[in-house]
Protein backbone atom coordinates (compact mmCIF):
# COMPACT_ATOMS: atom_id res chain seq x y z
CA MET A 1 -7.54 -3.84 10.15
CA ASP A 2 -11.26 -4.47 10.24
CA PHE A 3 -12.80 -6.37 12.75
CA ARG A 4 -15.33 -8.20 10.86
CA ARG A 5 -12.79 -8.97 8.58
CA LEU A 6 -10.36 -10.54 11.41
CA LYS A 7 -13.24 -12.55 12.33
CA TYR A 8 -13.43 -13.78 9.36
CA TYR A 9 -9.34 -15.12 9.17
CA CYS A 10 -10.10 -16.03 12.50
CA HIS A 11 -12.70 -18.80 11.76
CA ASN A 12 -11.50 -19.67 7.85
CA SER A 13 -7.97 -19.87 8.28
CA LEU A 14 -6.62 -23.41 8.61
CA ILE A 15 -3.97 -24.24 11.28
CA LEU A 16 -1.94 -27.21 11.49
CA VAL A 17 -0.96 -28.88 14.44
CA THR A 18 1.38 -31.45 14.84
CA SER A 19 3.46 -33.41 17.62
CA GLY A 20 4.53 -37.07 17.99
CA ASP A 21 2.54 -36.46 21.60
CA ARG A 22 -0.57 -36.82 21.52
CA GLN A 23 -0.96 -34.90 25.13
CA ILE A 24 0.71 -31.79 23.63
CA LEU A 25 -1.52 -32.44 20.78
CA SER A 26 -4.98 -33.22 23.07
CA ALA A 27 -3.92 -29.16 24.86
CA ILE A 28 -3.78 -27.31 21.90
CA ALA A 29 -6.55 -28.92 20.30
CA GLU A 30 -8.75 -28.21 23.22
CA VAL A 31 -8.19 -24.52 22.69
CA LEU A 32 -8.50 -24.18 19.42
CA THR A 33 -11.67 -25.63 19.76
CA SER A 34 -12.60 -23.46 22.63
CA GLU A 35 -11.93 -20.88 20.37
CA LYS A 36 -13.65 -22.04 17.78
CA TYR A 37 -10.71 -22.18 14.86
CA ASN A 38 -10.90 -24.41 11.83
CA PHE A 39 -7.30 -26.38 12.44
CA ILE A 40 -6.15 -30.21 11.58
CA THR A 41 -3.52 -32.60 14.01
CA GLU A 42 -1.07 -35.34 13.21
CA THR A 43 1.14 -36.78 14.54
CA SER A 44 3.34 -38.11 11.52
CA GLY A 45 6.00 -35.19 10.56
CA GLU A 46 6.02 -36.46 6.84
CA LYS A 47 2.16 -36.42 6.39
CA ALA A 48 2.24 -32.78 8.22
CA TRP A 49 4.58 -31.72 5.30
CA GLU A 50 2.07 -33.44 2.68
CA ILE A 51 -0.67 -31.20 4.41
CA ILE A 52 1.52 -27.78 3.78
CA LEU A 53 1.63 -28.50 0.08
CA GLN A 54 -1.58 -29.50 -0.15
CA LYS A 55 -3.30 -26.94 1.99
CA LYS A 56 -1.57 -24.25 2.49
CA PRO A 57 -2.53 -23.39 5.98
CA ALA A 58 -2.17 -19.92 7.18
CA ILE A 59 -0.76 -21.21 10.71
CA VAL A 60 1.65 -24.24 11.46
CA ILE A 61 2.80 -24.86 15.05
CA ALA A 62 4.71 -28.03 14.92
CA ASP A 63 7.00 -29.86 17.50
CA TRP A 64 10.91 -29.73 17.46
CA ALA A 65 10.78 -33.08 18.78
CA ILE A 66 8.31 -34.85 15.93
CA PRO A 67 10.30 -37.94 15.47
CA ASP A 68 10.48 -38.61 11.69
CA VAL A 69 10.70 -34.96 10.54
CA SER A 70 10.74 -32.67 13.19
CA GLY A 71 9.52 -29.25 13.28
CA LEU A 72 12.41 -27.08 12.53
CA VAL A 73 12.56 -29.40 9.32
CA LEU A 74 8.83 -28.58 8.59
CA CYS A 75 9.79 -25.16 9.19
CA HIS A 76 12.70 -24.89 6.57
CA ARG A 77 10.81 -26.72 3.84
CA SER A 78 7.97 -24.04 4.06
CA LYS A 79 10.33 -20.86 4.77
CA SER A 80 12.83 -22.27 1.75
CA ASN A 81 10.52 -23.44 -0.82
CA LEU A 82 11.20 -22.17 -4.47
CA GLU A 83 8.75 -24.41 -6.10
CA HIS A 84 5.66 -22.88 -3.24
CA PRO A 85 6.85 -19.39 -2.76
CA GLU A 86 3.91 -19.53 -1.66
CA LEU A 87 4.36 -21.58 1.80
CA MET A 88 6.79 -18.62 2.88
CA ALA A 89 3.86 -16.58 4.05
CA ILE A 90 2.76 -19.34 6.48
CA TYR A 91 3.16 -18.18 10.23
CA PHE A 92 5.54 -20.84 11.91
CA VAL A 93 5.54 -21.53 15.74
CA LEU A 94 7.56 -24.07 16.50
CA ILE A 95 6.80 -25.50 20.53
CA VAL A 96 10.33 -25.72 22.10
CA GLU A 97 11.55 -26.60 25.62
CA ASP A 98 11.22 -23.46 28.05
CA SER A 99 14.61 -23.27 29.06
CA ASN A 100 16.59 -24.15 25.94
CA SER A 101 17.63 -21.02 24.09
CA GLN A 102 19.54 -22.39 21.85
CA GLN A 103 16.34 -24.06 20.46
CA ARG A 104 14.99 -20.65 19.97
CA GLN A 105 18.44 -19.16 18.63
CA ILE A 106 18.32 -22.18 15.83
CA GLY A 107 14.86 -21.69 14.98
CA LEU A 108 14.88 -17.86 14.34
CA ASP A 109 18.05 -18.38 12.00
CA THR A 110 15.75 -20.86 10.34
CA GLY A 111 12.90 -18.35 9.86
CA VAL A 112 10.64 -19.48 12.87
CA ASP A 113 8.16 -16.55 13.19
CA GLU A 114 6.96 -17.70 17.30
CA PHE A 115 7.79 -19.63 19.34
CA LEU A 116 5.65 -21.74 22.15
CA ASN A 117 6.79 -23.28 25.21
CA LYS A 118 6.37 -26.43 26.60
CA PRO A 119 4.04 -27.44 28.63
CA ILE A 120 1.21 -25.78 26.77
CA ASP A 121 0.08 -22.37 28.31
CA GLY A 122 -3.31 -22.03 27.06
CA SER A 123 -3.17 -18.38 27.75
CA GLU A 124 0.50 -18.30 25.69
CA LEU A 125 -1.18 -20.41 22.88
CA LYS A 126 -3.78 -18.03 22.71
CA ALA A 127 -2.20 -14.96 22.42
CA ARG A 128 0.51 -16.52 19.61
CA LEU A 129 -2.48 -17.34 17.67
CA ARG A 130 -4.25 -14.08 17.76
CA THR A 131 -0.84 -12.28 16.56
CA GLY A 132 0.05 -14.87 13.50
CA ILE A 133 -3.53 -14.77 12.00
CA ARG A 134 -3.41 -10.61 12.36
CA LEU A 135 -0.29 -10.83 10.47
CA THR A 136 -1.25 -13.45 7.78
CA ALA A 137 -4.45 -11.59 7.59
CA LEU A 138 -2.74 -8.28 6.69
CA THR A 139 -0.04 -9.97 4.69
CA LYS A 140 -3.17 -11.59 2.52
CA SER A 141 -4.57 -8.47 2.32
CA LEU A 142 -1.19 -6.61 1.17
CA THR A 143 -0.77 -9.42 -1.35
CA TRP A 144 -4.88 -8.75 -2.93
CA ALA A 145 -4.04 -4.70 -3.10
CA ASN A 146 -0.41 -5.75 -4.58
CA GLN A 147 -2.22 -7.89 -7.24
CA ARG A 148 -4.87 -5.42 -7.77
CA LEU A 149 -2.72 -2.54 -8.57
CA LEU A 150 -0.78 -4.40 -10.81
CA ALA A 151 -3.91 -5.39 -12.50
CA GLN A 152 -5.01 -1.50 -12.97
CA ASN A 153 -1.86 -0.54 -14.06
CA ASP A 154 -2.09 -3.19 -16.87
CA LEU A 155 -5.42 -1.81 -17.65
CA LEU A 156 -4.33 1.27 -17.76
CA ASP A 157 -1.35 0.66 -19.68
CA ALA A 158 -3.51 -1.46 -22.58
CA LEU A 159 -5.81 1.22 -23.03
CA GLY A 160 -3.16 3.91 -23.60
CA LEU A 161 -4.03 5.92 -20.29
CA SER A 162 -0.86 5.74 -18.69
CA ASP A 163 2.23 7.48 -19.11
CA SER A 164 4.53 5.14 -20.39
CA LEU A 165 7.99 7.28 -18.24
CA THR A 166 5.92 7.53 -14.44
CA LYS A 167 3.01 5.08 -14.80
CA VAL A 168 0.43 8.31 -13.56
CA LEU A 169 -2.34 8.70 -16.40
CA SER A 170 -0.80 10.84 -19.41
CA GLU A 171 -1.49 14.77 -20.75
CA GLN A 172 -3.77 13.13 -23.38
CA THR A 173 -6.12 11.50 -20.77
CA PHE A 174 -6.31 14.55 -18.93
CA ALA A 175 -7.56 16.58 -22.02
CA ASP A 176 -9.74 13.73 -23.39
CA VAL A 177 -11.52 13.15 -19.61
CA MET A 178 -11.36 15.76 -17.29
CA PRO A 179 -14.06 17.82 -19.26
CA LYS A 180 -16.38 14.84 -18.84
CA MET A 181 -15.58 13.72 -15.44
CA MET A 182 -16.24 17.63 -14.03
CA GLN A 183 -19.54 17.66 -15.77
CA GLN A 184 -20.56 14.41 -14.23
CA LEU A 185 -19.46 15.39 -11.28
CA LYS A 186 -21.24 18.92 -11.05
CA GLY A 187 -24.21 17.11 -12.41
CA PHE A 188 -24.20 14.83 -9.43
CA GLY A 189 -24.31 18.10 -7.10
CA THR A 190 -22.58 16.41 -3.53
CA TYR A 191 -21.92 13.10 -5.14
CA LYS A 192 -20.41 10.61 -2.28
CA ASN A 193 -20.68 13.73 -0.23
CA TYR A 194 -17.66 15.55 -2.24
CA SER A 195 -18.80 19.36 -2.31
CA PHE A 196 -15.98 20.49 -4.05
CA LEU A 197 -13.07 19.96 -6.84
CA SER A 198 -9.65 20.97 -6.73
CA VAL A 199 -6.89 20.67 -9.83
CA LEU A 200 -3.80 21.72 -8.71
CA ILE A 201 -1.22 22.27 -11.56
CA ILE A 202 2.52 20.62 -10.46
CA ASP A 203 5.77 21.84 -11.63
CA ILE A 204 9.64 21.23 -11.09
CA ASP A 205 11.36 24.42 -9.36
CA LEU A 206 14.66 24.28 -11.57
CA PHE A 207 14.00 21.31 -13.45
CA LYS A 208 15.67 22.46 -16.20
CA ALA A 209 19.26 23.53 -14.81
CA ILE A 210 19.37 19.34 -13.75
CA VAL A 211 19.20 18.71 -17.64
CA ASP A 212 21.28 21.17 -18.67
CA SER A 213 24.07 19.92 -16.13
CA TYR A 214 23.23 15.79 -16.14
CA GLY A 215 21.42 15.29 -18.80
CA LYS A 216 18.02 13.49 -19.86
CA LYS A 217 18.03 10.25 -18.18
CA ILE A 218 19.01 11.63 -15.10
CA GLY A 219 15.76 13.91 -15.85
CA ASN A 220 13.76 11.08 -16.38
CA GLU A 221 14.70 9.10 -13.03
CA ALA A 222 14.00 12.65 -10.92
CA ILE A 223 10.42 13.13 -12.45
CA ASN A 224 9.99 9.49 -12.46
CA ALA A 225 11.37 9.36 -8.59
CA ILE A 226 8.98 12.80 -7.97
CA ALA A 227 5.74 11.06 -9.55
CA GLY A 228 5.93 8.14 -7.47
CA ARG A 229 6.18 10.69 -4.34
CA LEU A 230 3.14 13.32 -5.59
CA SER A 231 1.42 9.21 -6.17
CA HIS A 232 1.69 8.37 -2.57
CA SER A 233 1.17 11.64 -0.98
CA CYS A 234 -1.90 12.56 -2.62
CA MET A 235 -5.45 11.19 -1.41
CA PRO A 236 -6.97 8.08 -2.25
CA ASN A 237 -9.37 9.31 -4.62
CA SER A 238 -6.82 11.64 -6.25
CA LEU A 239 -6.40 11.50 -10.21
CA ILE A 240 -2.58 11.83 -10.98
CA TYR A 241 -1.77 13.04 -14.50
CA ARG A 242 1.54 13.88 -16.52
CA HIS A 243 1.13 17.59 -17.67
CA GLY A 244 4.19 18.43 -19.94
CA LEU A 245 7.61 18.07 -19.30
CA ASP A 246 7.87 18.63 -15.80
CA GLU A 247 4.45 19.29 -14.45
CA PHE A 248 1.52 16.89 -13.06
CA VAL A 249 -1.91 17.90 -12.17
CA CYS A 250 -3.60 16.31 -9.39
CA VAL A 251 -7.59 16.29 -9.16
CA THR A 252 -9.60 15.74 -6.51
CA PRO A 253 -13.35 15.24 -5.04
CA HIS A 254 -13.14 17.03 -1.49
CA SER A 255 -16.21 17.55 1.17
CA ASP A 256 -14.73 20.69 1.86
CA THR A 257 -12.35 23.23 0.66
CA THR A 258 -9.37 22.44 4.04
CA SER A 259 -9.18 19.18 2.76
CA GLY A 260 -8.19 20.49 -0.68
CA LYS A 261 -5.45 23.12 0.92
CA GLN A 262 -4.06 20.83 3.11
CA LEU A 263 -3.28 18.55 0.06
CA SER A 264 -1.70 20.76 -1.56
CA LEU A 265 0.41 21.40 1.78
CA ASN A 266 0.83 17.70 1.97
CA LEU A 267 2.17 17.84 -2.01
CA LEU A 268 4.68 20.34 -0.92
CA THR A 269 6.40 18.57 2.07
CA SER A 270 6.57 15.33 0.28
CA ILE A 271 9.19 16.66 -2.20
CA ARG A 272 10.93 19.66 0.17
CA SER A 273 11.30 16.80 3.02
CA HIS A 274 14.43 15.09 1.08
CA PRO A 275 16.41 14.75 -1.40
CA ILE A 276 15.23 13.06 -4.96
CA ALA A 277 17.65 9.97 -5.43
CA VAL A 278 18.86 9.20 -8.84
CA SER A 279 20.87 5.70 -9.61
CA SER A 280 24.46 7.28 -10.49
CA GLY A 281 23.80 8.54 -6.35
CA LEU A 282 23.31 12.27 -6.86
CA LEU A 283 20.95 13.48 -4.69
CA PHE A 284 18.67 16.39 -5.61
CA PRO A 285 17.07 18.83 -2.86
CA LEU A 286 14.24 19.82 -5.39
CA THR A 287 11.16 21.44 -4.35
CA ILE A 288 7.51 22.09 -6.30
CA SER A 289 5.70 24.82 -7.08
CA ILE A 290 1.69 24.71 -6.97
CA GLY A 291 -1.09 26.92 -8.72
CA GLY A 292 -5.09 25.28 -7.94
CA VAL A 293 -7.62 25.99 -7.63
CA ILE A 294 -10.70 24.80 -5.61
CA THR A 295 -14.04 25.27 -6.59
CA ALA A 296 -17.75 24.01 -5.72
CA LEU A 297 -19.35 21.42 -8.02
CA ASP A 298 -23.02 22.16 -7.12
CA ASN A 299 -22.59 26.44 -7.20
CA GLN A 300 -25.06 27.92 -5.29
CA ASN A 301 -23.45 31.54 -5.14
CA GLN A 302 -25.59 33.32 -8.13
CA GLN A 303 -22.53 35.95 -7.83
CA ILE A 304 -19.06 33.26 -8.80
CA PRO A 305 -20.14 32.44 -12.66
CA ASP A 306 -19.09 28.84 -13.48
CA ILE A 307 -16.23 28.11 -14.52
CA SER A 308 -15.50 25.99 -17.61
CA PHE A 309 -12.79 22.92 -16.94
CA GLU A 310 -10.18 25.23 -19.95
CA GLU A 311 -11.42 28.15 -17.68
CA LEU A 312 -10.33 26.68 -14.25
CA VAL A 313 -6.99 24.97 -15.91
CA SER A 314 -6.04 28.41 -17.98
CA LEU A 315 -6.37 30.27 -14.03
CA ALA A 316 -4.90 27.27 -12.17
CA GLU A 317 -1.54 27.95 -14.83
CA GLN A 318 -1.67 31.70 -13.95
CA LEU A 319 -1.44 30.99 -10.78
CA LEU A 320 1.24 28.12 -10.91
CA PHE A 321 3.33 31.09 -13.23
CA GLN A 322 2.62 33.95 -9.97
CA SER A 323 3.91 30.92 -7.46
CA GLN A 324 7.04 30.32 -9.59
CA GLN A 325 7.81 34.24 -9.89
CA SER A 326 7.32 34.28 -5.75
CA GLY A 327 10.65 32.01 -5.74
CA GLY A 328 8.87 28.42 -5.35
CA ASP A 329 8.63 26.16 -3.25
CA ARG A 330 4.89 27.41 -2.53
CA ASP A 331 1.36 27.27 -3.47
CA TYR A 332 -1.14 29.74 -5.02
CA LEU A 333 -4.89 28.75 -4.50
CA GLU A 334 -8.17 30.39 -5.80
CA ILE A 335 -11.05 28.94 -4.22
CA PHE A 336 -14.98 29.26 -5.37
CA GLU A 337 -17.04 28.80 -2.85
């Protein structure tokens, strides 16, 4: 994680410390103050629970032996609260007796994330806090990323840009958008240090035999699974499109031709590495064939003519046919530098 973002979390994440022992509160508060953490201390377990509900701290440090509501009960309320599921993400540190292994076992069963021994050791506390901040920051980042991804998928569905089965971009979007995108990229030359564009057409080897033997439903599940693998294995700036029944197109800008060739190998490996699983329990050891073109966005070589979008796709399809005729599970690439 980015250091600046982690530093931001350290100073802006709320920490709740609750114990009936004021000496424990004082010892912990001293460390938190020296490390410039944002924190609240509370001697009452019930009041601590009200703070958890209202302020939703990132970390709770709670004593096992709070007179009214113990730290263990606070942890259980947080980790099992269906009305406020966001409380389950709180990093919960339980203060226990150093020699009491039974407290630790019960705490783990309840959902405690970490333990802090009595008497409080400053170095141990700092280590627990660093771990807690890192994990809560990572959880928030993953949650935000997932929300953005869901919002993006919803937008693509709303605009009719995604394929209804695989949720990658649709074949119609590829035909409508890609020619304009290619012209724009060429117009910018080395836009964002991207000097090349790869267009890889991907076909599932022997896919018709699966549909003939197991039916359309199983075939759709296999296509969907392969779309997921391709999406996870491509580069962050790649765009994956559906292209016909059992074909996909991966379009990616590159800084050099080497990364384009490596991307093609990565996609091949992602499918052959382990079988495709479907809901019926069947496993299909599938492979793919790839035909692709890697072309310079700003063509300085006068001996190589500019390739139109239609010519580029046609050439990639011819190379795909060669790959299939050679037995599949391989790629044929043409590079224009």
